[in-house]
All heavy atoms as atom14 arrays in JSON, in Angstrom:
{
  "sequence": "VLLAVAAIIWAGFVWQVLLGNSFGSKPASDVQLVVLFLLIGLGFPLF",
  "atom14_mask": [
    [1, 1, 1, 1, 1, 1, 1, 0, 0, 0, 0, 0, 0, 0],
    [1, 1, 1, 1, 1, 1, 1, 1, 0, 0, 0, 0, 0, 0],
    [1, 1, 1, 1, 1, 1, 1, 1, 0, 0, 0, 0, 0, 0],
    [1, 1, 1, 1, 1, 0, 0, 0, 0, 0, 0, 0, 0, 0],
    [1, 1, 1, 1, 1, 1, 1, 0, 0, 0, 0, 0, 0, 0],
    [1, 1, 1, 1, 1, 0, 0, 0, 0, 0, 0, 0, 0, 0],
    [1, 1, 1, 1, 1, 0, 0, 0, 0, 0, 0, 0, 0, 0],
    [1, 1, 1, 1, 1, 1, 1, 1, 0, 0, 0, 0, 0, 0],
    [1, 1, 1, 1, 1, 1, 1, 1, 0, 0, 0, 0, 0, 0],
    [1, 1, 1, 1, 1, 1, 1, 1, 1, 1, 1, 1, 1, 1],
    [1, 1, 1, 1, 1, 0, 0, 0, 0, 0, 0, 0, 0, 0],
    [1, 1, 1, 1, 0, 0, 0, 0, 0, 0, 0, 0, 0, 0],
    [1, 1, 1, 1, 1, 1, 1, 1, 1, 1, 1, 0, 0, 0],
    [1, 1, 1, 1, 1, 1, 1, 0, 0, 0, 0, 0, 0, 0],
    [1, 1, 1, 1, 1, 1, 1, 1, 1, 1, 1, 1, 1, 1],
    [1, 1, 1, 1, 1, 1, 1, 1, 1, 0, 0, 0, 0, 0],
    [1, 1, 1, 1, 1, 1, 1, 0, 0, 0, 0, 0, 0, 0],
    [1, 1, 1, 1, 1, 1, 1, 1, 0, 0, 0, 0, 0, 0],
    [1, 1, 1, 1, 1, 1, 1, 1, 0, 0, 0, 0, 0, 0],
    [1, 1, 1, 1, 0, 0, 0, 0, 0, 0, 0, 0, 0, 0],
    [1, 1, 1, 1, 1, 1, 1, 1, 0, 0, 0, 0, 0, 0],
    [1, 1, 1, 1, 1, 1, 0, 0, 0, 0, 0, 0, 0, 0],
    [1, 1, 1, 1, 1, 1, 1, 1, 1, 1, 1, 0, 0, 0],
    [1, 1, 1, 1, 0, 0, 0, 0, 0, 0, 0, 0, 0, 0],
    [1, 1, 1, 1, 1, 1, 0, 0, 0, 0, 0, 0, 0, 0],
    [1, 1, 1, 1, 1, 1, 1, 1, 1, 0, 0, 0, 0, 0],
    [1, 1, 1, 1, 1, 1, 1, 0, 0, 0, 0, 0, 0, 0],
    [1, 1, 1, 1, 1, 0, 0, 0, 0, 0, 0, 0, 0, 0],
    [1, 1, 1, 1, 1, 1, 0, 0, 0, 0, 0, 0, 0, 0],
    [1, 1, 1, 1, 1, 1, 1, 1, 0, 0, 0, 0, 0, 0],
    [1, 1, 1, 1, 1, 1, 1, 0, 0, 0, 0, 0, 0, 0],
    [1, 1, 1, 1, 1, 1, 1, 1, 1, 0, 0, 0, 0, 0],
    [1, 1, 1, 1, 1, 1, 1, 1, 0, 0, 0, 0, 0, 0],
    [1, 1, 1, 1, 1, 1, 1, 0, 0, 0, 0, 0, 0, 0],
    [1, 1, 1, 1, 1, 1, 1, 0, 0, 0, 0, 0, 0, 0],
    [1, 1, 1, 1, 1, 1, 1, 1, 0, 0, 0, 0, 0, 0],
    [1, 1, 1, 1, 1, 1, 1, 1, 1, 1, 1, 0, 0, 0],
    [1, 1, 1, 1, 1, 1, 1, 1, 0, 0, 0, 0, 0, 0],
    [1, 1, 1, 1, 1, 1, 1, 1, 0, 0, 0, 0, 0, 0],
    [1, 1, 1, 1, 1, 1, 1, 1, 0, 0, 0, 0, 0, 0],
    [1, 1, 1, 1, 0, 0, 0, 0, 0, 0, 0, 0, 0, 0],
    [1, 1, 1, 1, 1, 1, 1, 1, 0, 0, 0, 0, 0, 0],
    [1, 1, 1, 1, 0, 0, 0, 0, 0, 0, 0, 0, 0, 0],
    [1, 1, 1, 1, 1, 1, 1, 1, 1, 1, 1, 0, 0, 0],
    [1, 1, 1, 1, 1, 1, 1, 0, 0, 0, 0, 0, 0, 0],
    [1, 1, 1, 1, 1, 1, 1, 1, 0, 0, 0, 0, 0, 0],
    [1, 1, 1, 1, 1, 1, 1, 1, 1, 1, 1, 0, 0, 0]
  ],
  "atom14_positions": [
    [[31.94, -9.18, 2.33], [30.66, -8.46, 2.28], [30.55, -7.64, 0.99], [29.54, -7.71, 0.28], [30.48, -7.57, 3.53], [29.28, -6.65, 3.38], [30.35, -8.42, 4.78], [0.0, 0.0, 0.0], [0.0, 0.0, 0.0], [0.0, 0.0, 0.0], [0.0, 0.0, 0.0], [0.0, 0.0, 0.0], [0.0, 0.0, 0.0], [0.0, 0.0, 0.0]],
    [[31.59, -6.85, 0.68], [31.57, -6.02, -0.53], [31.37, -6.85, -1.79], [30.55, -6.52, -2.66], [32.87, -5.24, -0.66], [33.03, -3.97, 0.13], [34.45, -3.45, 0.02], [32.05, -2.92, -0.33], [0.0, 0.0, 0.0], [0.0, 0.0, 0.0], [0.0, 0.0, 0.0], [0.0, 0.0, 0.0], [0.0, 0.0, 0.0], [0.0, 0.0, 0.0]],
    [[32.13, -7.92, -1.91], [32.06, -8.73, -3.12], [30.78, -9.56, -3.18], [30.27, -9.83, -4.28], [33.3, -9.6, -3.25], [34.6, -8.79, -3.44], [35.81, -9.72, -3.49], [34.54, -7.91, -4.67], [0.0, 0.0, 0.0], [0.0, 0.0, 0.0], [0.0, 0.0, 0.0], [0.0, 0.0, 0.0], [0.0, 0.0, 0.0], [0.0, 0.0, 0.0]],
    [[30.23, -9.94, -2.03], [28.94, -10.65, -2.02], [27.82, -9.75, -2.53], [27.0, -10.16, -3.37], [28.62, -11.17, -0.63], [0.0, 0.0, 0.0], [0.0, 0.0, 0.0], [0.0, 0.0, 0.0], [0.0, 0.0, 0.0], [0.0, 0.0, 0.0], [0.0, 0.0, 0.0], [0.0, 0.0, 0.0], [0.0, 0.0, 0.0], [0.0, 0.0, 0.0]],
    [[27.8, -8.52, -2.06], [26.78, -7.56, -2.53], [26.98, -7.28, -4.02], [26.02, -7.27, -4.79], [26.84, -6.26, -1.7], [25.97, -5.17, -2.31], [26.42, -6.53, -0.26], [0.0, 0.0, 0.0], [0.0, 0.0, 0.0], [0.0, 0.0, 0.0], [0.0, 0.0, 0.0], [0.0, 0.0, 0.0], [0.0, 0.0, 0.0], [0.0, 0.0, 0.0]],
    [[28.22, -7.08, -4.43], [28.51, -6.85, -5.85], [28.1, -8.05, -6.7], [27.54, -7.88, -7.79], [29.99, -6.54, -6.04], [0.0, 0.0, 0.0], [0.0, 0.0, 0.0], [0.0, 0.0, 0.0], [0.0, 0.0, 0.0], [0.0, 0.0, 0.0], [0.0, 0.0, 0.0], [0.0, 0.0, 0.0], [0.0, 0.0, 0.0], [0.0, 0.0, 0.0]],
    [[28.32, -9.26, -6.19], [27.97, -10.47, -6.94], [26.46, -10.58, -7.15], [26.0, -11.0, -8.22], [28.5, -11.71, -6.22], [0.0, 0.0, 0.0], [0.0, 0.0, 0.0], [0.0, 0.0, 0.0], [0.0, 0.0, 0.0], [0.0, 0.0, 0.0], [0.0, 0.0, 0.0], [0.0, 0.0, 0.0], [0.0, 0.0, 0.0], [0.0, 0.0, 0.0]],
    [[25.67, -10.18, -6.16], [24.21, -10.2, -6.31], [23.79, -9.23, -7.41], [22.96, -9.56, -8.26], [23.52, -9.86, -4.97], [23.75, -10.98, -3.97], [22.02, -9.61, -5.17], [23.38, -10.63, -2.54], [0.0, 0.0, 0.0], [0.0, 0.0, 0.0], [0.0, 0.0, 0.0], [0.0, 0.0, 0.0], [0.0, 0.0, 0.0], [0.0, 0.0, 0.0]],
    [[24.39, -8.06, -7.42], [24.08, -7.06, -8.46], [24.53, -7.57, -9.82], [23.81, -7.43, -10.82], [24.73, -5.7, -8.12], [24.19, -5.16, -6.8], [24.52, -4.71, -9.25], [22.71, -4.89, -6.76], [0.0, 0.0, 0.0], [0.0, 0.0, 0.0], [0.0, 0.0, 0.0], [0.0, 0.0, 0.0], [0.0, 0.0, 0.0], [0.0, 0.0, 0.0]],
    [[25.7, -8.18, -9.89], [26.19, -8.75, -11.15], [25.22, -9.82, -11.65], [24.9, -9.86, -12.84], [27.57, -9.38, -10.95], [28.71, -8.43, -11.08], [29.06, -7.44, -10.21], [29.66, -8.38, -12.14], [30.17, -6.79, -10.65], [30.57, -7.34, -11.85], [29.85, -9.12, -13.3], [31.63, -7.01, -12.68], [30.92, -8.79, -14.12], [31.78, -7.75, -13.81]],
    [[24.78, -10.7, -10.75], [23.86, -11.78, -11.14], [22.56, -11.19, -11.68], [22.04, -11.65, -12.71], [23.59, -12.69, -9.94], [0.0, 0.0, 0.0], [0.0, 0.0, 0.0], [0.0, 0.0, 0.0], [0.0, 0.0, 0.0], [0.0, 0.0, 0.0], [0.0, 0.0, 0.0], [0.0, 0.0, 0.0], [0.0, 0.0, 0.0], [0.0, 0.0, 0.0]],
    [[22.04, -10.19, -10.98], [20.81, -9.54, -11.46], [20.99, -8.89, -12.81], [20.12, -8.98, -13.69], [0.0, 0.0, 0.0], [0.0, 0.0, 0.0], [0.0, 0.0, 0.0], [0.0, 0.0, 0.0], [0.0, 0.0, 0.0], [0.0, 0.0, 0.0], [0.0, 0.0, 0.0], [0.0, 0.0, 0.0], [0.0, 0.0, 0.0], [0.0, 0.0, 0.0]],
    [[22.12, -8.23, -13.0], [22.42, -7.58, -14.28], [22.48, -8.61, -15.41], [21.84, -8.45, -16.45], [23.74, -6.82, -14.16], [24.22, -6.23, -15.45], [23.68, -5.06, -15.94], [25.24, -6.84, -16.18], [24.12, -4.51, -17.13], [25.69, -6.3, -17.36], [25.13, -5.12, -17.84], [0.0, 0.0, 0.0], [0.0, 0.0, 0.0], [0.0, 0.0, 0.0]],
    [[23.23, -9.66, -15.2], [23.36, -10.7, -16.23], [22.01, -11.36, -16.5], [21.6, -11.52, -17.65], [24.42, -11.75, -15.82], [24.39, -12.96, -16.74], [25.82, -11.13, -15.81], [0.0, 0.0, 0.0], [0.0, 0.0, 0.0], [0.0, 0.0, 0.0], [0.0, 0.0, 0.0], [0.0, 0.0, 0.0], [0.0, 0.0, 0.0], [0.0, 0.0, 0.0]],
    [[21.31, -11.75, -15.44], [20.04, -12.47, -15.57], [18.98, -11.63, -16.29], [18.29, -12.13, -17.17], [19.55, -12.89, -14.18], [18.34, -13.76, -14.2], [17.08, -13.39, -13.84], [18.25, -15.12, -14.59], [16.22, -14.43, -13.98], [16.92, -15.53, -14.44], [19.19, -16.05, -15.06], [16.49, -16.81, -14.74], [18.74, -17.32, -15.34], [17.41, -17.7, -15.19]],
    [[18.87, -10.37, -15.9], [17.78, -9.55, -16.46], [18.19, -8.79, -17.71], [17.51, -8.85, -18.72], [17.27, -8.57, -15.39], [16.08, -7.74, -15.88], [15.44, -6.96, -14.76], [15.23, -7.51, -13.68], [15.12, -5.7, -15.02], [0.0, 0.0, 0.0], [0.0, 0.0, 0.0], [0.0, 0.0, 0.0], [0.0, 0.0, 0.0], [0.0, 0.0, 0.0]],
    [[19.29, -8.07, -17.66], [19.66, -7.19, -18.78], [20.24, -7.99, -19.94], [19.88, -7.79, -21.09], [20.63, -6.08, -18.31], [21.09, -5.22, -19.47], [19.97, -5.22, -17.23], [0.0, 0.0, 0.0], [0.0, 0.0, 0.0], [0.0, 0.0, 0.0], [0.0, 0.0, 0.0], [0.0, 0.0, 0.0], [0.0, 0.0, 0.0], [0.0, 0.0, 0.0]],
    [[21.14, -8.92, -19.64], [21.79, -9.65, -20.73], [20.97, -10.85, -21.22], [20.96, -11.13, -22.42], [23.19, -10.11, -20.3], [24.18, -8.99, -19.93], [25.53, -9.57, -19.55], [24.32, -7.99, -21.05], [0.0, 0.0, 0.0], [0.0, 0.0, 0.0], [0.0, 0.0, 0.0], [0.0, 0.0, 0.0], [0.0, 0.0, 0.0], [0.0, 0.0, 0.0]],
    [[20.3, -11.56, -20.28], [19.55, -12.76, -20.67], [18.06, -12.51, -20.87], [17.35, -13.38, -21.37], [19.77, -13.88, -19.64], [21.21, -14.35, -19.47], [21.31, -15.4, -18.37], [21.76, -14.88, -20.78], [0.0, 0.0, 0.0], [0.0, 0.0, 0.0], [0.0, 0.0, 0.0], [0.0, 0.0, 0.0], [0.0, 0.0, 0.0], [0.0, 0.0, 0.0]],
    [[17.57, -11.35, -20.46], [16.18, -10.98, -20.71], [15.16, -11.57, -19.75], [13.96, -11.51, -20.01], [0.0, 0.0, 0.0], [0.0, 0.0, 0.0], [0.0, 0.0, 0.0], [0.0, 0.0, 0.0], [0.0, 0.0, 0.0], [0.0, 0.0, 0.0], [0.0, 0.0, 0.0], [0.0, 0.0, 0.0], [0.0, 0.0, 0.0], [0.0, 0.0, 0.0]],
    [[15.57, -12.12, -18.63], [14.64, -12.65, -17.62], [14.36, -11.6, -16.56], [15.1, -10.63, -16.43], [15.23, -13.9, -16.96], [15.54, -14.99, -17.97], [14.72, -15.33, -18.8], [16.75, -15.52, -17.91], [0.0, 0.0, 0.0], [0.0, 0.0, 0.0], [0.0, 0.0, 0.0], [0.0, 0.0, 0.0], [0.0, 0.0, 0.0], [0.0, 0.0, 0.0]],
    [[13.32, -11.82, -15.76], [13.03, -10.92, -14.63], [13.85, -11.36, -13.43], [13.9, -12.55, -13.1], [11.55, -10.96, -14.28], [10.79, -10.41, -15.33], [0.0, 0.0, 0.0], [0.0, 0.0, 0.0], [0.0, 0.0, 0.0], [0.0, 0.0, 0.0], [0.0, 0.0, 0.0], [0.0, 0.0, 0.0], [0.0, 0.0, 0.0], [0.0, 0.0, 0.0]],
    [[14.45, -10.39, -12.75], [15.25, -10.68, -11.56], [14.47, -10.26, -10.32], [14.31, -9.09, -10.04], [16.59, -9.93, -11.63], [17.52, -10.24, -10.49], [18.11, -11.48, -10.38], [17.82, -9.28, -9.53], [18.98, -11.77, -9.34], [18.68, -9.55, -8.48], [19.27, -10.8, -8.39], [0.0, 0.0, 0.0], [0.0, 0.0, 0.0], [0.0, 0.0, 0.0]],
    [[13.95, -11.24, -9.58], [13.17, -10.98, -8.38], [11.68, -10.92, -8.64], [11.22, -10.93, -9.79], [0.0, 0.0, 0.0], [0.0, 0.0, 0.0], [0.0, 0.0, 0.0], [0.0, 0.0, 0.0], [0.0, 0.0, 0.0], [0.0, 0.0, 0.0], [0.0, 0.0, 0.0], [0.0, 0.0, 0.0], [0.0, 0.0, 0.0], [0.0, 0.0, 0.0]],
    [[10.89, -10.85, -7.57], [9.43, -10.81, -7.7], [8.93, -9.44, -8.11], [7.85, -9.32, -8.69], [8.77, -11.26, -6.39], [9.16, -10.39, -5.34], [0.0, 0.0, 0.0], [0.0, 0.0, 0.0], [0.0, 0.0, 0.0], [0.0, 0.0, 0.0], [0.0, 0.0, 0.0], [0.0, 0.0, 0.0], [0.0, 0.0, 0.0], [0.0, 0.0, 0.0]],
    [[9.67, -8.4, -7.8], [9.33, -7.03, -8.23], [10.57, -6.44, -8.89], [11.29, -5.64, -8.29], [8.9, -6.18, -7.03], [7.61, -6.63, -6.39], [7.23, -5.69, -5.27], [5.92, -6.15, -4.63], [5.52, -5.27, -3.54], [0.0, 0.0, 0.0], [0.0, 0.0, 0.0], [0.0, 0.0, 0.0], [0.0, 0.0, 0.0], [0.0, 0.0, 0.0]],
    [[10.85, -6.84, -10.12], [12.12, -6.44, -10.75], [12.2, -4.94, -11.04], [11.2, -4.29, -11.34], [12.13, -7.24, -12.06], [10.72, -7.59, -12.32], [10.03, -7.66, -11.0], [0.0, 0.0, 0.0], [0.0, 0.0, 0.0], [0.0, 0.0, 0.0], [0.0, 0.0, 0.0], [0.0, 0.0, 0.0], [0.0, 0.0, 0.0], [0.0, 0.0, 0.0]],
    [[13.4, -4.42, -10.9], [13.68, -3.04, -11.28], [13.73, -2.98, -12.81], [13.88, -4.01, -13.49], [15.03, -2.61, -10.7], [0.0, 0.0, 0.0], [0.0, 0.0, 0.0], [0.0, 0.0, 0.0], [0.0, 0.0, 0.0], [0.0, 0.0, 0.0], [0.0, 0.0, 0.0], [0.0, 0.0, 0.0], [0.0, 0.0, 0.0], [0.0, 0.0, 0.0]],
    [[13.62, -1.78, -13.33], [13.75, -1.64, -14.79], [15.19, -1.94, -15.18], [16.11, -1.91, -14.36], [13.36, -0.22, -15.21], [14.35, 0.7, -14.8], [0.0, 0.0, 0.0], [0.0, 0.0, 0.0], [0.0, 0.0, 0.0], [0.0, 0.0, 0.0], [0.0, 0.0, 0.0], [0.0, 0.0, 0.0], [0.0, 0.0, 0.0], [0.0, 0.0, 0.0]],
    [[15.4, -2.22, -16.47], [16.75, -2.48, -16.96], [17.67, -1.29, -16.71], [18.84, -1.46, -16.36], [16.73, -2.84, -18.45], [16.2, -4.24, -18.71], [15.89, -4.96, -17.73], [16.09, -4.62, -19.9], [0.0, 0.0, 0.0], [0.0, 0.0, 0.0], [0.0, 0.0, 0.0], [0.0, 0.0, 0.0], [0.0, 0.0, 0.0], [0.0, 0.0, 0.0]],
    [[17.14, -0.08, -16.89], [17.95, 1.13, -16.68], [18.38, 1.22, -15.22], [19.54, 1.51, -14.91], [17.17, 2.4, -17.12], [17.9, 3.67, -16.71], [16.91, 2.39, -18.61], [0.0, 0.0, 0.0], [0.0, 0.0, 0.0], [0.0, 0.0, 0.0], [0.0, 0.0, 0.0], [0.0, 0.0, 0.0], [0.0, 0.0, 0.0], [0.0, 0.0, 0.0]],
    [[17.44, 0.97, -14.31], [17.77, 1.01, -12.88], [18.82, -0.06, -12.53], [19.74, 0.19, -11.76], [16.52, 0.78, -12.03], [15.55, 1.94, -12.06], [14.23, 1.58, -11.39], [13.78, 0.45, -11.45], [13.62, 2.59, -10.75], [0.0, 0.0, 0.0], [0.0, 0.0, 0.0], [0.0, 0.0, 0.0], [0.0, 0.0, 0.0], [0.0, 0.0, 0.0]],
    [[18.68, -1.23, -13.14], [19.63, -2.3, -12.86], [21.02, -1.99, -13.43], [22.03, -2.3, -12.8], [19.1, -3.62, -13.43], [19.58, -4.89, -12.73], [19.42, -4.81, -11.23], [18.85, -6.09, -13.27], [0.0, 0.0, 0.0], [0.0, 0.0, 0.0], [0.0, 0.0, 0.0], [0.0, 0.0, 0.0], [0.0, 0.0, 0.0], [0.0, 0.0, 0.0]],
    [[21.07, -1.34, -14.57], [22.37, -0.94, -15.13], [23.03, 0.09, -14.22], [24.23, 0.02, -13.94], [22.2, -0.39, -16.57], [23.47, 0.32, -17.03], [21.82, -1.49, -17.53], [0.0, 0.0, 0.0], [0.0, 0.0, 0.0], [0.0, 0.0, 0.0], [0.0, 0.0, 0.0], [0.0, 0.0, 0.0], [0.0, 0.0, 0.0], [0.0, 0.0, 0.0]],
    [[22.24, 1.04, -13.7], [22.78, 2.06, -12.78], [23.29, 1.38, -11.51], [24.4, 1.68, -11.03], [21.73, 3.14, -12.46], [22.19, 4.04, -11.32], [21.44, 3.97, -13.71], [0.0, 0.0, 0.0], [0.0, 0.0, 0.0], [0.0, 0.0, 0.0], [0.0, 0.0, 0.0], [0.0, 0.0, 0.0], [0.0, 0.0, 0.0], [0.0, 0.0, 0.0]],
    [[22.51, 0.45, -10.94], [22.96, -0.29, -9.76], [24.23, -1.09, -10.05], [25.14, -1.15, -9.22], [21.86, -1.24, -9.27], [20.71, -0.62, -8.5], [19.64, -1.66, -8.22], [21.2, -0.01, -7.21], [0.0, 0.0, 0.0], [0.0, 0.0, 0.0], [0.0, 0.0, 0.0], [0.0, 0.0, 0.0], [0.0, 0.0, 0.0], [0.0, 0.0, 0.0]],
    [[24.27, -1.7, -11.22], [25.46, -2.47, -11.61], [26.7, -1.57, -11.66], [27.76, -1.92, -11.13], [25.22, -3.12, -12.98], [26.44, -3.76, -13.56], [26.93, -4.94, -13.05], [27.11, -3.17, -14.63], [28.07, -5.54, -13.59], [28.23, -3.75, -15.17], [28.71, -4.94, -14.65], [0.0, 0.0, 0.0], [0.0, 0.0, 0.0], [0.0, 0.0, 0.0]],
    [[26.55, -0.39, -12.26], [27.69, 0.52, -12.37], [28.11, 1.07, -11.0], [29.31, 1.13, -10.7], [27.37, 1.67, -13.32], [27.21, 1.28, -14.79], [26.74, 2.47, -15.6], [28.5, 0.72, -15.34], [0.0, 0.0, 0.0], [0.0, 0.0, 0.0], [0.0, 0.0, 0.0], [0.0, 0.0, 0.0], [0.0, 0.0, 0.0], [0.0, 0.0, 0.0]],
    [[27.12, 1.44, -10.17], [27.45, 2.03, -8.87], [27.89, 1.0, -7.84], [28.92, 1.17, -7.19], [26.24, 2.8, -8.32], [25.87, 4.09, -9.05], [24.61, 4.69, -8.44], [27.0, 5.08, -8.99], [0.0, 0.0, 0.0], [0.0, 0.0, 0.0], [0.0, 0.0, 0.0], [0.0, 0.0, 0.0], [0.0, 0.0, 0.0], [0.0, 0.0, 0.0]],
    [[27.1, -0.06, -7.68], [27.37, -1.02, -6.61], [28.19, -2.21, -7.09], [29.09, -2.68, -6.4], [26.05, -1.49, -5.96], [25.35, -0.28, -5.33], [26.29, -2.58, -4.92], [23.95, -0.55, -4.84], [0.0, 0.0, 0.0], [0.0, 0.0, 0.0], [0.0, 0.0, 0.0], [0.0, 0.0, 0.0], [0.0, 0.0, 0.0], [0.0, 0.0, 0.0]],
    [[27.91, -2.69, -8.28], [28.62, -3.85, -8.8], [30.05, -3.55, -9.21], [30.94, -4.39, -9.06], [0.0, 0.0, 0.0], [0.0, 0.0, 0.0], [0.0, 0.0, 0.0], [0.0, 0.0, 0.0], [0.0, 0.0, 0.0], [0.0, 0.0, 0.0], [0.0, 0.0, 0.0], [0.0, 0.0, 0.0], [0.0, 0.0, 0.0], [0.0, 0.0, 0.0]],
    [[30.28, -2.36, -9.73], [31.64, -1.97, -10.15], [32.23, -0.87, -9.27], [33.36, -0.97, -8.8], [31.63, -1.51, -11.61], [31.29, -2.54, -12.67], [31.24, -1.88, -14.05], [32.29, -3.67, -12.66], [0.0, 0.0, 0.0], [0.0, 0.0, 0.0], [0.0, 0.0, 0.0], [0.0, 0.0, 0.0], [0.0, 0.0, 0.0], [0.0, 0.0, 0.0]],
    [[31.45, 0.21, -9.07], [31.97, 1.39, -8.38], [32.34, 1.19, -6.93], [33.4, 1.62, -6.49], [0.0, 0.0, 0.0], [0.0, 0.0, 0.0], [0.0, 0.0, 0.0], [0.0, 0.0, 0.0], [0.0, 0.0, 0.0], [0.0, 0.0, 0.0], [0.0, 0.0, 0.0], [0.0, 0.0, 0.0], [0.0, 0.0, 0.0], [0.0, 0.0, 0.0]],
    [[31.47, 0.52, -6.19], [31.72, 0.33, -4.76], [32.98, -0.49, -4.49], [33.83, -0.05, -3.71], [30.47, -0.3, -4.14], [30.21, 0.1, -2.72], [30.23, 1.43, -2.33], [29.95, -0.86, -1.77], [29.98, 1.79, -1.02], [29.71, -0.52, -0.46], [29.73, 0.81, -0.08], [0.0, 0.0, 0.0], [0.0, 0.0, 0.0], [0.0, 0.0, 0.0]],
    [[33.14, -1.66, -5.11], [34.4, -2.41, -4.89], [35.63, -1.63, -5.36], [36.67, -1.65, -4.69], [34.22, -3.69, -5.7], [32.75, -3.86, -5.82], [32.2, -2.46, -5.88], [0.0, 0.0, 0.0], [0.0, 0.0, 0.0], [0.0, 0.0, 0.0], [0.0, 0.0, 0.0], [0.0, 0.0, 0.0], [0.0, 0.0, 0.0], [0.0, 0.0, 0.0]],
    [[35.53, -0.94, -6.49], [36.66, -0.16, -6.98], [37.0, 0.98, -6.02], [38.17, 1.25, -5.75], [36.36, 0.39, -8.37], [37.49, 1.16, -9.04], [38.72, 0.27, -9.24], [37.03, 1.72, -10.38], [0.0, 0.0, 0.0], [0.0, 0.0, 0.0], [0.0, 0.0, 0.0], [0.0, 0.0, 0.0], [0.0, 0.0, 0.0], [0.0, 0.0, 0.0]],
    [[35.96, 1.62, -5.49], [36.16, 2.7, -4.53], [36.93, 2.2, -3.31], [37.91, 2.82, -2.89], [34.79, 3.27, -4.12], [34.86, 4.33, -3.06], [35.28, 5.61, -3.37], [34.49, 4.05, -1.76], [35.34, 6.59, -2.4], [34.53, 5.03, -0.78], [34.97, 6.31, -1.1], [0.0, 0.0, 0.0], [0.0, 0.0, 0.0], [0.0, 0.0, 0.0]]
  ]
}
């Protein structure tokens, strides 16, 4: 469960922030996605 949720955040981060595409029908801003990536994609599994 933890890694599946983190993988979704990682995919969104890569797709939107690194590749410049929109992630989802109502995409978050790049800043919001970076914060989610740091907190949920990295922080939660590490915690």
